[in-house]
Amino acid sequence: MKDYQQKKMKNHVLPQPVYRQALWAVKDLLRLKSRLSELRREAYVPGERNLLQPCMGYGTGYVCDVTGNRAAEIANLSWRIDAIVSAFDTVPEKYRKGIENKLVYDVPYNDDFHPNTWKKWQQVFLYYVAENLHIL
């Protein structure tokens, strides 16, 4: 099934670049969750200072806050994941698993519903993903 928007759903039509960003944000969900769990595991493990960690410049000096940078990355990933997952609440429950399987795991839609029904709810879902991620 092609990734396109139904123009008759005027309330949920996105500009093409925004639609693509929302679509790829959802397709990236597994990697985001994996990275978040990795960061959370590492957060409680004492380790050596990473000299490759980015530093912030203040005046003439630099401050390397590894813990702060890691916390900011955890917060950002958590926010992105929550924004995507909460968009599923805008779709009726009977379509959620099918849309998740299609967009996240690349499993084709089943034959339980008409293809246009799947397209409709996928478009609604991606609209709210874009809204939640503030890319709309």
C-alpha atoms as a PDB file:
ATOM      1  CA  MET A   1       0.000   0.000   0.000  1.00  0.00           C
ATOM      2  CA  LYS A   2       1.421   3.372  -0.950  1.00  0.00           C
ATOM      3  CA  ASP A   3       2.109   6.030   1.635  1.00  0.00           C
ATOM      4  CA  TYR A   4      -0.119   8.848   0.508  1.00  0.00           C
ATOM      5  CA  GLN A   5      -2.794  11.054   1.970  1.00  0.00           C
ATOM      6  CA  GLN A   6      -6.459  11.074   1.118  1.00  0.00           C
ATOM      7  CA  LYS A   7      -7.244  14.606  -0.029  1.00  0.00           C
ATOM      8  CA  LYS A   8     -10.918  14.330   0.907  1.00  0.00           C
ATOM      9  CA  MET A   9      -9.931  14.246   4.603  1.00  0.00           C
ATOM     10  CA  LYS A  10      -9.233  17.984   4.632  1.00  0.00           C
ATOM     11  CA  ASN A  11      -8.913  18.193   8.432  1.00  0.00           C
ATOM     12  CA  HIS A  12      -6.054  15.672   8.427  1.00  0.00           C
ATOM     13  CA  VAL A  13      -4.087  16.553   5.298  1.00  0.00           C
ATOM     14  CA  LEU A  14      -0.486  17.473   6.031  1.00  0.00           C
ATOM     15  CA  PRO A  15       2.098  19.157   3.842  1.00  0.00           C
ATOM     16  CA  GLN A  16       4.068  16.392   2.122  1.00  0.00           C
ATOM     17  CA  PRO A  17       7.371  17.021   4.016  1.00  0.00           C
ATOM     18  CA  VAL A  18       5.537  17.012   7.353  1.00  0.00           C
ATOM     19  CA  TYR A  19       3.698  13.819   6.425  1.00  0.00           C
ATOM     20  CA  ARG A  20       7.011  12.133   5.540  1.00  0.00           C
ATOM     21  CA  GLN A  21       8.648  13.297   8.778  1.00  0.00           C
ATOM     22  CA  ALA A  22       5.785  11.897  10.842  1.00  0.00           C
ATOM     23  CA  LEU A  23       5.858   8.632   8.890  1.00  0.00           C
ATOM     24  CA  TRP A  24       9.597   8.157   9.390  1.00  0.00           C
ATOM     25  CA  ALA A  25       9.381   9.142  13.045  1.00  0.00           C
ATOM     26  CA  VAL A  26       6.962   6.237  13.535  1.00  0.00           C
ATOM     27  CA  LYS A  27       9.130   3.871  11.469  1.00  0.00           C
ATOM     28  CA  ASP A  28      12.052   4.813  13.763  1.00  0.00           C
ATOM     29  CA  LEU A  29      10.142   3.884  16.937  1.00  0.00           C
ATOM     30  CA  LEU A  30      11.947   0.574  17.548  1.00  0.00           C
ATOM     31  CA  ARG A  31      15.363   2.214  17.341  1.00  0.00           C
ATOM     32  CA  LEU A  32      14.249   5.016  19.660  1.00  0.00           C
ATOM     33  CA  LYS A  33      12.996   2.525  22.249  1.00  0.00           C
ATOM     34  CA  SER A  34      16.193   0.498  21.978  1.00  0.00           C
ATOM     35  CA  ARG A  35      18.372   3.586  22.426  1.00  0.00           C
ATOM     36  CA  LEU A  36      16.290   4.744  25.385  1.00  0.00           C
ATOM     37  CA  SER A  37      16.603   1.407  27.182  1.00  0.00           C
ATOM     38  CA  GLU A  38      20.355   1.413  26.489  1.00  0.00           C
ATOM     39  CA  LEU A  39      20.723   4.915  27.940  1.00  0.00           C
ATOM     40  CA  ARG A  40      18.662   4.003  30.991  1.00  0.00           C
ATOM     41  CA  ARG A  41      20.824   0.941  31.624  1.00  0.00           C
ATOM     42  CA  GLU A  42      23.991   3.022  31.333  1.00  0.00           C
ATOM     43  CA  ALA A  43      22.618   5.784  33.576  1.00  0.00           C
ATOM     44  CA  TYR A  44      23.186   3.739  36.722  1.00  0.00           C
ATOM     45  CA  VAL A  45      26.530   2.218  35.786  1.00  0.00           C
ATOM     46  CA  PRO A  46      29.543   4.125  37.054  1.00  0.00           C
ATOM     47  CA  GLY A  47      32.022   4.574  34.261  1.00  0.00           C
ATOM     48  CA  GLU A  48      34.979   6.511  33.078  1.00  0.00           C
ATOM     49  CA  ARG A  49      34.766   9.958  31.600  1.00  0.00           C
ATOM     50  CA  ASN A  50      34.107   9.930  27.889  1.00  0.00           C
ATOM     51  CA  LEU A  51      36.400  12.485  26.264  1.00  0.00           C
ATOM     52  CA  LEU A  52      34.392  12.355  23.050  1.00  0.00           C
ATOM     53  CA  GLN A  53      31.287  13.631  24.815  1.00  0.00           C
ATOM     54  CA  PRO A  54      30.263  17.076  23.515  1.00  0.00           C
ATOM     55  CA  CYS A  55      31.114  19.989  25.766  1.00  0.00           C
ATOM     56  CA  MET A  56      29.400  23.336  26.164  1.00  0.00           C
ATOM     57  CA  GLY A  57      31.419  26.534  25.872  1.00  0.00           C
ATOM     58  CA  TYR A  58      30.997  29.215  28.520  1.00  0.00           C
ATOM     59  CA  GLY A  59      33.149  32.294  28.088  1.00  0.00           C
ATOM     60  CA  THR A  60      36.709  31.074  27.670  1.00  0.00           C
ATOM     61  CA  GLY A  61      36.182  27.615  29.190  1.00  0.00           C
ATOM     62  CA  TYR A  62      34.304  24.431  28.486  1.00  0.00           C
ATOM     63  CA  VAL A  63      32.016  22.432  30.710  1.00  0.00           C
ATOM     64  CA  CYS A  64      31.537  18.740  30.029  1.00  0.00           C
ATOM     65  CA  ASP A  65      28.449  17.510  31.817  1.00  0.00           C
ATOM     66  CA  VAL A  66      28.190  13.876  30.789  1.00  0.00           C
ATOM     67  CA  THR A  67      25.363  13.174  33.217  1.00  0.00           C
ATOM     68  CA  GLY A  68      23.421  16.240  32.109  1.00  0.00           C
ATOM     69  CA  ASN A  69      23.884  15.405  28.434  1.00  0.00           C
ATOM     70  CA  ARG A  70      22.725  11.836  29.029  1.00  0.00           C
ATOM     71  CA  ALA A  71      19.721  13.049  31.034  1.00  0.00           C
ATOM     72  CA  ALA A  72      18.789  15.472  28.260  1.00  0.00           C
ATOM     73  CA  GLU A  73      19.004  12.696  25.658  1.00  0.00           C
ATOM     74  CA  ILE A  74      16.856  10.396  27.824  1.00  0.00           C
ATOM     75  CA  ALA A  75      14.281  13.170  28.257  1.00  0.00           C
ATOM     76  CA  ASN A  76      14.238  13.938  24.527  1.00  0.00           C
ATOM     77  CA  LEU A  77      13.861  10.276  23.523  1.00  0.00           C
ATOM     78  CA  SER A  78      11.148   9.728  26.135  1.00  0.00           C
ATOM     79  CA  TRP A  79       9.248  12.750  24.854  1.00  0.00           C
ATOM     80  CA  ARG A  80       9.461  11.579  21.209  1.00  0.00           C
ATOM     81  CA  ILE A  81       8.347   8.046  22.093  1.00  0.00           C
ATOM     82  CA  ASP A  82       5.461   9.329  24.218  1.00  0.00           C
ATOM     83  CA  ALA A  83       4.388  11.692  21.425  1.00  0.00           C
ATOM     84  CA  ILE A  84       4.220   8.811  18.940  1.00  0.00           C
ATOM     85  CA  VAL A  85       2.597   6.304  21.295  1.00  0.00           C
ATOM     86  CA  SER A  86      -0.007   8.784  22.540  1.00  0.00           C
ATOM     87  CA  ALA A  87      -1.115   9.375  18.932  1.00  0.00           C
ATOM     88  CA  PHE A  88      -2.428   5.795  18.919  1.00  0.00           C
ATOM     89  CA  ASP A  89      -5.148   6.966  21.330  1.00  0.00           C
ATOM     90  CA  THR A  90      -6.708   8.982  18.478  1.00  0.00           C
ATOM     91  CA  VAL A  91      -7.367   5.793  16.498  1.00  0.00           C
ATOM     92  CA  PRO A  92     -10.148   3.341  17.419  1.00  0.00           C
ATOM     93  CA  GLU A  93      -8.719   0.392  19.299  1.00  0.00           C
ATOM     94  CA  LYS A  94      -9.588  -2.166  16.610  1.00  0.00           C
ATOM     95  CA  TYR A  95      -7.222  -0.437  14.129  1.00  0.00           C
ATOM     96  CA  ARG A  96      -4.291   0.314  16.452  1.00  0.00           C
ATOM     97  CA  LYS A  97      -2.461  -2.989  16.217  1.00  0.00           C
ATOM     98  CA  GLY A  98      -2.773  -3.109  12.427  1.00  0.00           C
ATOM     99  CA  ILE A  99      -1.414   0.417  12.035  1.00  0.00           C
ATOM    100  CA  GLU A 100       1.416  -0.301  14.461  1.00  0.00           C
ATOM    101  CA  ASN A 101       2.317  -3.509  12.630  1.00  0.00           C
ATOM    102  CA  LYS A 102       2.287  -1.729   9.265  1.00  0.00           C
ATOM    103  CA  LEU A 103       4.231   1.374  10.191  1.00  0.00           C
ATOM    104  CA  VAL A 104       6.611   0.070  12.859  1.00  0.00           C
ATOM    105  CA  TYR A 105       7.187  -3.561  11.859  1.00  0.00           C
ATOM    106  CA  ASP A 106       6.401  -3.237   8.103  1.00  0.00           C
ATOM    107  CA  VAL A 107       3.788  -6.015   8.215  1.00  0.00           C
ATOM    108  CA  PRO A 108       1.083  -5.568   5.554  1.00  0.00           C
ATOM    109  CA  TYR A 109      -2.429  -4.726   6.677  1.00  0.00           C
ATOM    110  CA  ASN A 110      -4.687  -7.742   7.129  1.00  0.00           C
ATOM    111  CA  ASP A 111      -7.966  -8.227   5.283  1.00  0.00           C
ATOM    112  CA  ASP A 112     -10.191  -7.557   8.306  1.00  0.00           C
ATOM    113  CA  PHE A 113     -11.054  -4.078   6.999  1.00  0.00           C
ATOM    114  CA  HIS A 114     -11.199  -2.390   3.613  1.00  0.00           C
ATOM    115  CA  PRO A 115      -7.859  -0.860   2.446  1.00  0.00           C
ATOM    116  CA  ASN A 116      -9.430   2.618   2.405  1.00  0.00           C
ATOM    117  CA  THR A 117     -10.337   2.213   6.078  1.00  0.00           C
ATOM    118  CA  TRP A 118      -6.729   1.392   6.903  1.00  0.00           C
ATOM    119  CA  LYS A 119      -5.537   4.411   4.871  1.00  0.00           C
ATOM    120  CA  LYS A 120      -7.995   6.695   6.632  1.00  0.00           C
ATOM    121  CA  TRP A 121      -6.924   5.730  10.141  1.00  0.00           C
ATOM    122  CA  GLN A 122      -3.245   5.716   9.194  1.00  0.00           C
ATOM    123  CA  GLN A 123      -3.638   9.288   7.977  1.00  0.00           C
ATOM    124  CA  VAL A 124      -5.420  10.340  11.168  1.00  0.00           C
ATOM    125  CA  PHE A 125      -2.709   8.679  13.246  1.00  0.00           C
ATOM    126  CA  LEU A 126       0.136  10.365  11.339  1.00  0.00           C
ATOM    127  CA  TYR A 127      -1.613  13.730  11.611  1.00  0.00           C
ATOM    128  CA  TYR A 128      -1.608  13.447  15.400  1.00  0.00           C
ATOM    129  CA  VAL A 129       1.986  12.182  15.436  1.00  0.00           C
ATOM    130  CA  ALA A 130       2.970  15.345  13.563  1.00  0.00           C
ATOM    131  CA  GLU A 131       0.927  17.471  15.938  1.00  0.00           C
ATOM    132  CA  ASN A 132       2.408  15.805  19.028  1.00  0.00           C
ATOM    133  CA  LEU A 133       5.965  16.176  17.694  1.00  0.00           C
ATOM    134  CA  HIS A 134       5.309  19.857  16.913  1.00  0.00           C
ATOM    135  CA  ILE A 135       6.253  19.495  13.266  1.00  0.00           C
ATOM    136  CA  LEU A 136       2.814  20.522  12.011  1.00  0.00           C
END
